[in-house]
Amino acid sequence: MQIPGRKVAVVGMGGAFPTCTGLPDFSKKLFANQSLIREWDKALAYGKNIRSSVSGFITEEEMGLEAIYSPLAENNYPETYIDKLNRIPDGNLATADIGCIWAMLGTQEAIKMAGWDSKEVQSEQTGVVIGSGGAGNVILRIAWHNFYELGKKTRLAGSHTVDRTMVYREAANVSCLIKNRGVCEAIGSACATGLGNIGYAYRLIKFGLQDRIIAGGVEGTSLETFIGFDGMQVLSRGFSPEESSRPFDVNRNGFVCSFGSGIVALEEYELAKARGANIIAVIDEYFNNSDGDGDMFYPSFAGQKRLWKGILDSSGKKPDVVKVHGTSTPAGDSIELLSVVDVLGESGYHITAPKSQFGHMLGAAGSVEFITALLMLQEQKVLPCLNSEKLNPELEPFQKADNWTGPEKPLEAYRDLIPKESFAKEINTVTCLNYGFGGTNSAISVSRDI
């Protein structure tokens, strides 16, 4: 049960972002309308066996890391990593896959920005809630290939296969790094994972169970993950890299599979205020639900409307900007845009789709896009929806069905809501939306501390 008057502030953030040297560079490129998507050499190496070849990926070198490959295993098994910038101790690197390292680096950045001292970090009232969408595929695939196909001994993979691939490995590695004594958990909800972990962390503070939490989502660069979605034929193809992610555009044909991490530091508002913390934003409310229609993949107009009802009934604040999920899938974008319009009307706000700039980061999508919402509040600028050149002038097929109860105008009618370039605007409240396989939906509302 929520404690009346108890609020949650965002006091720090960090992460790993494609083609960027850090958070300032990420912000600069986003507001300059740049795309972070490029051709991926690892996908191109397999020729026509892979349909798509573009991604917002991050290399080890770009993060100041070096993989140390096992001299005994085949296929370049990364036995451990070296941090060339000496940010992470070797002992912590030994238990981490690449995504865990990103989570630890993002945590260090978020804690530094938050200004927490060691006593606050290592408190029983400080928790860690970080999840990912993948399963440590880079580690597992090569380890099992060497055992099952090549007949190698189990010890060839070293003694850390389990801890480098377990479902809550990012949270565990971060917790061991910072030595917190509060909760250490991971929430998994497909492409809503990043936002879901932040929302759960918000509730833990709001309900008085923790005072501070490091929260977020991660998706480490993995060709194994990429080919899974490529096999579903849901990835964008046929465009240049920077034009491949095109939410709401009439010619969209799939999303760009990308990778990264977003980590934020949350703190009970009065505690943050009392110590003079820089409060980036205040979380007004988090709400999540399920579609309830039994469909694993197809988006639900009714489910998204119920999501909106939950967030608006609780927060009471209509947003100046809606940060949409906006993946560039044909049905997903249409239903999402129409559900937003059905609830908020046809004017008075703007819609941004950050995936147009860096692709779909899967388990990290919600948390990295949450950070983009924080950046919009800081910069007082709306991020663009790149490549949304032309919206469908005709009704969507589902709009013609007898049981359709939503807006009866084509997507083109809402062109003015979706900017193709960044622009300045007074922004006091942003609502973030993320959805995932299995019909899971998440929404969070954040506001400036005024």
Protein backbone atom coordinates (compact mmCIF):
# COMPACT_ATOMS: atom_id res chain seq x y z
CA MET A 1 0.00 0.00 0.00
CA GLN A 2 1.30 3.44 -0.93
CA ILE A 3 2.31 5.75 1.90
CA PRO A 4 0.48 9.11 1.52
CA GLY A 5 2.82 11.97 0.74
CA ARG A 6 5.77 9.72 -0.08
CA LYS A 7 7.22 10.64 -3.50
CA VAL A 8 9.99 9.25 -5.67
CA ALA A 9 12.70 11.35 -7.32
CA VAL A 10 15.12 10.47 -10.11
CA VAL A 11 18.56 11.67 -9.03
CA GLY A 12 20.99 9.90 -11.37
CA MET A 13 21.29 8.15 -14.72
CA GLY A 14 23.82 6.41 -16.94
CA GLY A 15 24.18 3.60 -19.41
CA ALA A 16 25.59 2.29 -22.67
CA PHE A 17 24.41 3.80 -25.97
CA PRO A 18 25.29 2.91 -29.60
CA THR A 19 28.04 5.05 -31.19
CA CYS A 20 28.18 7.31 -28.12
CA THR A 21 31.03 8.02 -25.72
CA GLY A 22 28.61 8.53 -22.82
CA LEU A 23 25.41 10.20 -21.70
CA PRO A 24 26.34 13.77 -22.80
CA ASP A 25 27.24 12.51 -26.29
CA PHE A 26 24.01 10.49 -26.40
CA SER A 27 21.96 13.57 -25.54
CA LYS A 28 23.80 15.76 -28.03
CA LYS A 29 23.26 13.35 -30.91
CA LEU A 30 19.61 12.74 -30.12
CA PHE A 31 18.67 16.42 -30.08
CA ALA A 32 20.72 16.93 -33.26
CA ASN A 33 18.33 14.50 -34.99
CA GLN A 34 21.07 11.94 -35.59
CA SER A 35 20.59 8.21 -36.12
CA LEU A 36 22.75 5.79 -34.09
CA ILE A 37 21.97 2.86 -36.39
CA ARG A 38 24.57 1.36 -38.75
CA GLU A 39 25.37 -1.72 -40.81
CA TRP A 40 26.49 -4.60 -38.60
CA ASP A 41 29.51 -6.49 -39.87
CA LYS A 42 28.62 -9.60 -37.84
CA ALA A 43 25.23 -9.83 -39.57
CA LEU A 44 26.69 -9.10 -43.00
CA ALA A 45 29.17 -11.95 -42.54
CA TYR A 46 26.34 -14.49 -42.91
CA GLY A 47 25.15 -13.17 -46.25
CA LYS A 48 21.65 -14.16 -47.28
CA ASN A 49 21.21 -16.41 -44.22
CA ILE A 50 20.19 -13.24 -42.39
CA ARG A 51 17.55 -10.95 -43.90
CA SER A 52 18.36 -7.78 -41.96
CA SER A 53 21.82 -6.29 -41.46
CA VAL A 54 21.34 -3.04 -39.52
CA SER A 55 21.49 -2.48 -35.77
CA GLY A 56 22.17 0.00 -33.01
CA PHE A 57 24.96 -2.19 -31.67
CA ILE A 58 27.87 -1.45 -29.32
CA THR A 59 31.32 -3.01 -29.63
CA GLU A 60 33.59 -3.94 -26.75
CA GLU A 61 36.20 -1.47 -27.95
CA GLU A 62 33.69 1.39 -27.87
CA MET A 63 33.06 0.68 -24.18
CA GLY A 64 36.77 0.52 -23.34
CA LEU A 65 36.68 -3.26 -22.92
CA GLU A 66 38.73 -6.15 -24.26
CA ALA A 67 37.51 -9.74 -24.41
CA ILE A 68 39.95 -12.41 -23.26
CA TYR A 69 39.22 -15.53 -25.26
CA SER A 70 39.75 -19.03 -23.97
CA PRO A 71 42.79 -20.71 -25.60
CA LEU A 72 41.01 -24.07 -25.31
CA ALA A 73 37.53 -23.31 -26.62
CA GLU A 74 36.61 -22.80 -30.25
CA ASN A 75 34.56 -19.93 -31.73
CA ASN A 76 36.13 -17.20 -29.57
CA TYR A 77 34.63 -17.99 -26.18
CA PRO A 78 34.96 -14.79 -24.05
CA GLU A 79 36.40 -16.21 -20.83
CA THR A 80 36.48 -12.79 -19.18
CA TYR A 81 36.98 -9.11 -19.99
CA ILE A 82 39.59 -6.46 -19.28
CA ASP A 83 38.43 -2.95 -18.44
CA LYS A 84 41.04 -0.77 -20.12
CA LEU A 85 39.85 2.25 -18.16
CA ASN A 86 40.07 0.46 -14.77
CA ARG A 87 36.48 1.18 -13.77
CA ILE A 88 35.44 -2.34 -12.75
CA PRO A 89 37.59 -4.64 -10.54
CA ASP A 90 38.79 -7.86 -12.18
CA GLY A 91 36.87 -9.97 -9.68
CA ASN A 92 33.59 -8.39 -10.78
CA LEU A 93 34.49 -8.74 -14.46
CA ALA A 94 34.99 -12.50 -14.01
CA THR A 95 31.30 -13.04 -13.18
CA ALA A 96 29.90 -10.75 -15.86
CA ASP A 97 28.83 -11.01 -19.47
CA ILE A 98 28.97 -7.86 -21.58
CA GLY A 99 25.51 -6.64 -20.52
CA CYS A 100 26.41 -6.98 -16.84
CA ILE A 101 29.48 -4.81 -17.41
CA TRP A 102 27.32 -2.15 -19.04
CA ALA A 103 24.96 -2.31 -16.07
CA MET A 104 27.85 -1.85 -13.63
CA LEU A 105 29.26 1.08 -15.59
CA GLY A 106 25.81 2.72 -15.81
CA THR A 107 25.38 2.19 -12.08
CA GLN A 108 28.64 3.93 -11.31
CA GLU A 109 27.55 6.90 -13.45
CA ALA A 110 24.10 7.05 -11.84
CA ILE A 111 25.49 6.88 -8.29
CA LYS A 112 28.05 9.58 -9.05
CA MET A 113 25.33 11.85 -10.45
CA ALA A 114 23.09 11.08 -7.47
CA GLY A 115 25.84 12.02 -5.03
CA TRP A 116 25.28 8.98 -2.80
CA ASP A 117 28.11 8.19 -0.39
CA SER A 118 29.24 4.65 0.54
CA LYS A 119 27.05 4.62 3.65
CA GLU A 120 23.95 5.36 1.59
CA VAL A 121 24.88 2.90 -1.16
CA GLN A 122 25.66 0.05 1.24
CA SER A 123 22.52 0.56 3.31
CA GLU A 124 19.71 -1.93 3.95
CA GLN A 125 17.45 0.74 2.46
CA THR A 126 19.24 0.70 -0.92
CA GLY A 127 18.14 -1.85 -3.50
CA VAL A 128 19.01 -3.02 -7.01
CA VAL A 129 16.33 -3.87 -9.58
CA ILE A 130 17.75 -4.51 -13.06
CA GLY A 131 16.61 -6.95 -15.75
CA SER A 132 17.25 -7.96 -19.34
CA GLY A 133 15.36 -9.59 -22.16
CA GLY A 134 18.04 -12.08 -23.23
CA ALA A 135 19.61 -15.09 -21.60
CA GLY A 136 23.36 -14.62 -21.78
CA ASN A 137 23.28 -16.15 -25.27
CA VAL A 138 26.84 -15.29 -26.25
CA ILE A 139 28.16 -17.25 -23.25
CA LEU A 140 25.70 -20.14 -23.46
CA ARG A 141 25.86 -20.86 -27.19
CA ILE A 142 29.63 -21.22 -27.37
CA ALA A 143 29.91 -23.09 -24.08
CA TRP A 144 27.28 -25.64 -25.13
CA HIS A 145 28.67 -25.94 -28.65
CA ASN A 146 32.07 -26.90 -27.28
CA PHE A 147 30.49 -29.47 -24.96
CA TYR A 148 27.77 -31.03 -27.11
CA GLU A 149 29.19 -30.72 -30.62
CA LEU A 150 32.95 -30.83 -30.02
CA GLY A 151 32.98 -33.12 -27.01
CA LYS A 152 35.04 -30.80 -24.83
CA LYS A 153 35.08 -31.10 -21.03
CA THR A 154 32.75 -28.93 -18.97
CA ARG A 155 35.62 -27.13 -17.26
CA LEU A 156 36.63 -25.66 -20.63
CA ALA A 157 33.95 -22.99 -20.18
CA GLY A 158 35.39 -22.04 -16.80
CA SER A 159 33.58 -21.84 -13.49
CA HIS A 160 31.36 -18.83 -14.25
CA THR A 161 28.92 -20.01 -16.93
CA VAL A 162 26.05 -20.09 -14.43
CA ASP A 163 26.56 -16.67 -12.87
CA ARG A 164 27.23 -15.06 -16.27
CA THR A 165 23.95 -16.33 -17.73
CA MET A 166 21.46 -16.59 -14.84
CA VAL A 167 18.23 -14.68 -15.23
CA TYR A 168 19.12 -11.90 -12.78
CA ARG A 169 22.81 -11.68 -13.58
CA GLU A 170 22.80 -7.89 -14.13
CA ALA A 171 21.21 -7.17 -10.76
CA ALA A 172 23.50 -9.67 -9.03
CA ASN A 173 26.66 -8.23 -10.54
CA VAL A 174 25.65 -4.66 -9.73
CA SER A 175 24.77 -5.63 -6.17
CA CYS A 176 28.13 -7.34 -5.68
CA LEU A 177 29.90 -4.30 -7.11
CA ILE A 178 28.23 -1.67 -4.91
CA LYS A 179 27.63 -3.92 -1.86
CA ASN A 180 24.08 -2.73 -1.16
CA ARG A 181 22.17 -4.53 1.59
CA GLY A 182 18.63 -3.97 0.33
CA VAL A 183 16.70 -5.91 -2.30
CA CYS A 184 18.40 -7.44 -5.34
CA GLU A 185 15.87 -8.49 -7.95
CA ALA A 186 15.12 -8.62 -11.67
CA ILE A 187 11.77 -8.23 -13.40
CA GLY A 188 11.42 -9.79 -16.84
CA SER A 189 8.63 -8.65 -19.17
CA ALA A 190 10.07 -8.89 -22.69
CA CYS A 191 10.32 -5.47 -24.35
CA ALA A 192 8.67 -3.80 -21.35
CA THR A 193 11.46 -5.05 -19.05
CA GLY A 194 13.41 -1.80 -18.76
CA LEU A 195 10.40 0.27 -17.80
CA GLY A 196 8.98 -2.53 -15.67
CA ASN A 197 12.07 -2.66 -13.47
CA ILE A 198 11.97 1.11 -12.95
CA GLY A 199 8.25 0.93 -12.19
CA TYR A 200 8.74 -1.87 -9.68
CA ALA A 201 11.57 0.08 -8.04
CA TYR A 202 9.29 3.12 -7.85
CA ARG A 203 6.68 1.06 -6.02
CA LEU A 204 9.22 -0.31 -3.54
CA ILE A 205 10.11 3.26 -2.56
CA LYS A 206 6.54 4.55 -2.74
CA PHE A 207 5.38 1.72 -0.46
CA GLY A 208 8.15 2.49 2.05
CA LEU A 209 10.10 -0.74 1.53
CA GLN A 210 13.29 0.97 0.29
CA ASP A 211 14.64 4.51 0.28
CA ARG A 212 16.99 4.28 -2.71
CA ILE A 213 17.17 1.94 -5.71
CA ILE A 214 19.40 1.46 -8.72
CA ALA A 215 17.03 0.35 -11.50
CA GLY A 216 16.92 -0.23 -15.23
CA GLY A 217 17.24 -2.61 -18.14
CA VAL A 218 19.99 -4.12 -20.29
CA GLU A 219 20.37 -5.91 -23.62
CA GLY A 220 23.97 -6.90 -24.38
CA THR A 221 25.10 -7.05 -28.00
CA SER A 222 24.27 -10.55 -29.24
CA LEU A 223 23.97 -11.90 -32.77
CA GLU A 224 22.11 -14.85 -31.26
CA THR A 225 19.32 -12.52 -30.15
CA PHE A 226 19.36 -10.72 -33.50
CA ILE A 227 18.87 -13.86 -35.59
CA GLY A 228 15.95 -14.96 -33.42
CA PHE A 229 13.99 -11.86 -34.43
CA ASP A 230 15.31 -12.06 -37.99
CA GLY A 231 13.86 -15.55 -38.18
CA MET A 232 10.46 -14.14 -37.18
CA GLN A 233 10.74 -11.79 -40.19
CA VAL A 234 9.94 -8.77 -38.04
CA LEU A 235 13.15 -6.78 -38.64
CA SER A 236 13.44 -3.79 -40.95
CA ARG A 237 15.11 -4.32 -44.32
CA GLY A 238 15.49 -2.55 -47.63
CA PHE A 239 16.45 0.89 -46.28
CA SER A 240 19.76 2.60 -45.54
CA PRO A 241 20.81 2.16 -41.89
CA GLU A 242 19.73 5.64 -40.79
CA GLU A 243 16.36 5.25 -42.56
CA SER A 244 15.62 1.73 -41.31
CA SER A 245 13.75 2.61 -38.12
CA ARG A 246 10.67 4.55 -39.22
CA PRO A 247 7.82 4.52 -36.69
CA PHE A 248 4.40 5.43 -38.10
CA ASP A 249 5.71 5.82 -41.66
CA VAL A 250 3.48 4.18 -44.24
CA ASN A 251 6.45 2.20 -45.63
CA ARG A 252 7.66 0.77 -42.31
CA ASN A 253 8.28 -2.98 -42.44
CA GLY A 254 9.79 -3.95 -39.10
CA PHE A 255 11.98 -2.84 -36.24
CA VAL A 256 15.74 -2.46 -35.91
CA CYS A 257 17.17 -4.90 -33.35
CA SER A 258 19.53 -2.91 -31.13
CA PHE A 259 21.43 -3.14 -27.86
CA GLY A 260 22.31 -0.96 -24.87
CA SER A 261 21.56 -0.26 -21.24
CA GLY A 262 19.83 2.41 -19.19
CA ILE A 263 20.33 2.72 -15.43
CA VAL A 264 18.72 5.27 -13.11
CA ALA A 265 19.08 6.12 -9.42
CA LEU A 266 15.77 6.60 -7.61
CA GLU A 267 15.39 8.07 -4.13
CA GLU A 268 12.60 8.98 -1.75
CA TYR A 269 11.88 12.62 -2.54
CA GLU A 270 12.21 14.17 0.92
CA LEU A 271 15.52 12.41 1.55
CA ALA A 272 16.86 13.66 -1.76
CA LYS A 273 15.60 17.17 -1.07
CA ALA A 274 17.05 17.25 2.43
CA ARG A 275 20.57 16.46 1.26
CA GLY A 276 20.40 18.98 -1.58
CA ALA A 277 20.37 16.46 -4.41
CA ASN A 278 19.86 17.54 -8.00
CA ILE A 279 16.38 16.16 -8.71
CA ILE A 280 16.19 15.34 -12.41
CA ALA A 281 12.48 14.49 -12.29
CA VAL A 282 9.71 13.21 -10.05
CA ILE A 283 7.85 10.02 -10.90
CA ASP A 284 4.13 10.74 -10.74
CA GLU A 285 2.85 7.21 -11.23
CA TYR A 286 3.57 3.80 -12.73
CA PHE A 287 0.89 1.47 -14.04
CA ASN A 288 1.02 -1.86 -15.86
CA ASN A 289 -1.44 -4.46 -17.07
CA SER A 290 -1.98 -7.33 -19.51
CA ASP A 291 -4.07 -7.37 -22.67
CA GLY A 292 -6.04 -10.39 -21.53
CA ASP A 293 -6.94 -11.47 -25.07
CA GLY A 294 -4.76 -14.57 -25.23
CA ASP A 295 -2.63 -13.30 -28.14
CA MET A 296 1.13 -13.54 -27.65
CA PHE A 297 2.12 -10.96 -30.26
CA TYR A 298 -0.69 -8.79 -31.64
CA PRO A 299 -1.17 -5.45 -29.83
CA SER A 300 -4.46 -4.75 -28.08
CA PHE A 301 -6.30 -1.45 -28.46
CA ALA A 302 -8.44 -2.27 -25.42
CA GLY A 303 -5.40 -3.24 -23.33
CA GLN A 304 -3.61 0.00 -24.16
CA LYS A 305 -6.70 2.08 -23.36
CA ARG A 306 -6.92 0.39 -19.95
CA LEU A 307 -3.24 1.18 -19.45
CA TRP A 308 -3.93 4.85 -20.12
CA LYS A 309 -6.89 4.83 -17.76
CA GLY A 310 -4.69 3.44 -15.00
CA ILE A 311 -1.92 5.99 -15.41
CA LEU A 312 -4.24 8.99 -15.78
CA ASP A 313 -6.57 7.99 -12.95
CA SER A 314 -3.57 7.63 -10.63
CA SER A 315 -1.39 10.59 -11.64
CA GLY A 316 -4.08 13.00 -12.76
CA LYS A 317 -1.57 14.65 -15.12
CA LYS A 318 -1.99 14.76 -18.88
CA PRO A 319 1.39 14.79 -20.59
CA ASP A 320 3.00 17.46 -22.73
CA VAL A 321 4.89 14.70 -24.54
CA VAL A 322 4.10 11.02 -25.01
CA LYS A 323 7.17 8.82 -25.44
CA VAL A 324 5.67 5.94 -27.40
CA HIS A 325 6.89 2.37 -27.85
CA GLY A 326 6.89 3.01 -31.62
CA THR A 327 8.75 0.00 -32.98
CA SER A 328 8.02 0.44 -36.73
CA THR A 329 5.89 -2.69 -36.94
CA PRO A 330 2.80 -2.29 -39.16
CA ALA A 331 0.07 -3.16 -36.64
CA GLY A 332 1.87 -2.06 -33.48
CA ASP A 333 2.42 1.55 -34.53
CA SER A 334 -1.11 2.00 -35.85
CA ILE A 335 -2.84 0.69 -32.76
CA GLU A 336 -0.56 2.62 -30.43
CA LEU A 337 -1.08 5.95 -32.19
CA LEU A 338 -4.84 5.48 -32.30
CA SER A 339 -5.00 4.49 -28.63
CA VAL A 340 -3.07 7.62 -27.65
CA VAL A 341 -5.36 9.83 -29.73
CA ASP A 342 -8.47 8.11 -28.41
CA VAL A 343 -7.48 8.97 -24.84
CA LEU A 344 -5.73 12.35 -25.17
CA GLY A 345 -7.49 13.84 -28.16
CA GLU A 346 -6.06 15.29 -31.34
CA SER A 347 -4.06 18.22 -29.93
CA GLY A 348 -2.30 19.66 -26.89
CA TYR A 349 0.67 17.27 -26.81
CA HIS A 350 3.36 15.76 -29.03
CA ILE A 351 4.51 12.22 -29.69
CA THR A 352 8.13 11.09 -29.88
CA ALA A 353 9.52 7.69 -30.86
CA PRO A 354 13.18 7.37 -29.77
CA LYS A 355 13.50 3.99 -31.49
CA SER A 356 13.59 5.97 -34.73
CA GLN A 357 17.07 7.12 -33.68
CA PHE A 358 18.60 4.03 -32.06
CA GLY A 359 16.31 1.09 -32.76
CA HIS A 360 14.62 -1.34 -30.42
CA MET A 361 16.84 -2.26 -27.46
CA LEU A 362 14.52 -5.04 -26.28
CA GLY A 363 15.09 -5.51 -22.52
CA ALA A 364 16.82 -2.12 -22.36
CA ALA A 365 14.25 -0.26 -24.47
CA GLY A 366 12.07 0.97 -21.62
CA SER A 367 14.91 2.21 -19.43
CA VAL A 368 16.94 3.89 -22.19
CA GLU A 369 13.77 5.54 -23.47
CA PHE A 370 12.94 6.58 -19.90
CA ILE A 371 16.29 8.36 -19.91
CA THR A 372 15.29 10.12 -23.14
CA ALA A 373 12.20 11.39 -21.30
CA LEU A 374 14.44 12.76 -18.55
CA LEU A 375 16.63 14.44 -21.16
CA MET A 376 13.57 16.08 -22.73
CA LEU A 377 12.60 17.48 -19.34
CA GLN A 378 16.13 18.79 -18.86
CA GLU A 379 16.54 20.27 -22.32
CA GLN A 380 12.93 21.41 -22.75
CA LYS A 381 12.97 19.96 -26.25
CA VAL A 382 10.88 17.26 -27.91
CA LEU A 383 12.84 14.47 -29.56
CA PRO A 384 11.91 13.63 -33.13
CA CYS A 385 10.35 10.68 -34.88
CA LEU A 386 12.88 10.27 -37.66
CA ASN A 387 11.76 8.87 -41.01
CA SER A 388 8.05 9.37 -40.34
CA GLU A 389 7.88 10.87 -43.81
CA LYS A 390 4.37 9.89 -44.79
CA LEU A 391 1.57 8.50 -42.64
CA ASN A 392 -1.11 6.26 -44.11
CA PRO A 393 -3.83 8.38 -45.78
CA GLU A 394 -6.20 5.39 -45.77
CA LEU A 395 -7.93 3.69 -42.86
CA GLU A 396 -6.14 0.71 -41.34
CA PRO A 397 -7.82 -2.65 -42.09
CA PHE A 398 -8.87 -3.12 -38.46
CA GLN A 399 -10.52 0.32 -38.46
CA LYS A 400 -12.99 -1.00 -41.03
CA ALA A 401 -14.13 -3.87 -38.82
CA ASP A 402 -17.62 -3.74 -37.33
CA ASN A 403 -16.27 -4.10 -33.79
CA TRP A 404 -13.81 -1.20 -34.03
CA THR A 405 -14.53 1.46 -31.38
CA GLY A 406 -11.55 3.77 -31.79
CA PRO A 407 -10.80 6.85 -33.93
CA GLU A 408 -12.19 6.72 -37.45
CA LYS A 409 -9.63 8.93 -39.14
CA PRO A 410 -6.49 7.63 -40.91
CA LEU A 411 -3.07 8.02 -39.28
CA GLU A 412 -2.29 10.90 -41.63
CA ALA A 413 -4.85 13.03 -39.76
CA TYR A 414 -2.49 13.10 -36.76
CA ARG A 415 0.62 14.22 -38.65
CA ASP A 416 0.98 17.37 -36.53
CA LEU A 417 1.42 15.33 -33.35
CA ILE A 418 4.56 13.62 -34.65
CA PRO A 419 7.57 15.90 -35.28
CA LYS A 420 10.21 14.81 -37.77
CA GLU A 421 12.85 16.96 -36.07
CA SER A 422 13.60 18.02 -32.50
CA PHE A 423 12.15 21.35 -31.38
CA ALA A 424 11.92 23.49 -28.24
CA LYS A 425 8.76 23.42 -26.15
CA GLU A 426 7.77 23.85 -22.52
CA ILE A 427 7.65 20.33 -21.13
CA ASN A 428 6.44 19.68 -17.61
CA THR A 429 5.23 16.07 -17.86
CA VAL A 430 6.18 13.11 -20.07
CA THR A 431 4.39 9.77 -20.20
CA CYS A 432 6.45 6.76 -21.29
CA LEU A 433 4.84 3.69 -22.88
CA ASN A 434 6.36 0.25 -23.46
CA TYR A 435 4.84 -3.09 -24.44
CA GLY A 436 6.09 -6.67 -24.73
CA PHE A 437 5.32 -10.15 -26.03
CA GLY A 438 2.64 -11.86 -24.02
CA GLY A 439 0.44 -8.77 -23.95
CA THR A 440 2.29 -6.95 -21.17
CA ASN A 441 1.92 -3.15 -21.06
CA SER A 442 3.72 -0.54 -18.94
CA ALA A 443 3.35 3.22 -18.50
CA ILE A 444 5.15 5.71 -16.29
CA SER A 445 4.61 9.45 -15.88
CA VAL A 446 7.45 11.80 -14.91
CA SER A 447 7.42 15.53 -14.21
CA ARG A 448 9.83 18.36 -13.59
CA ASP A 449 10.40 19.21 -9.95
CA ILE A 450 8.76 22.63 -9.88
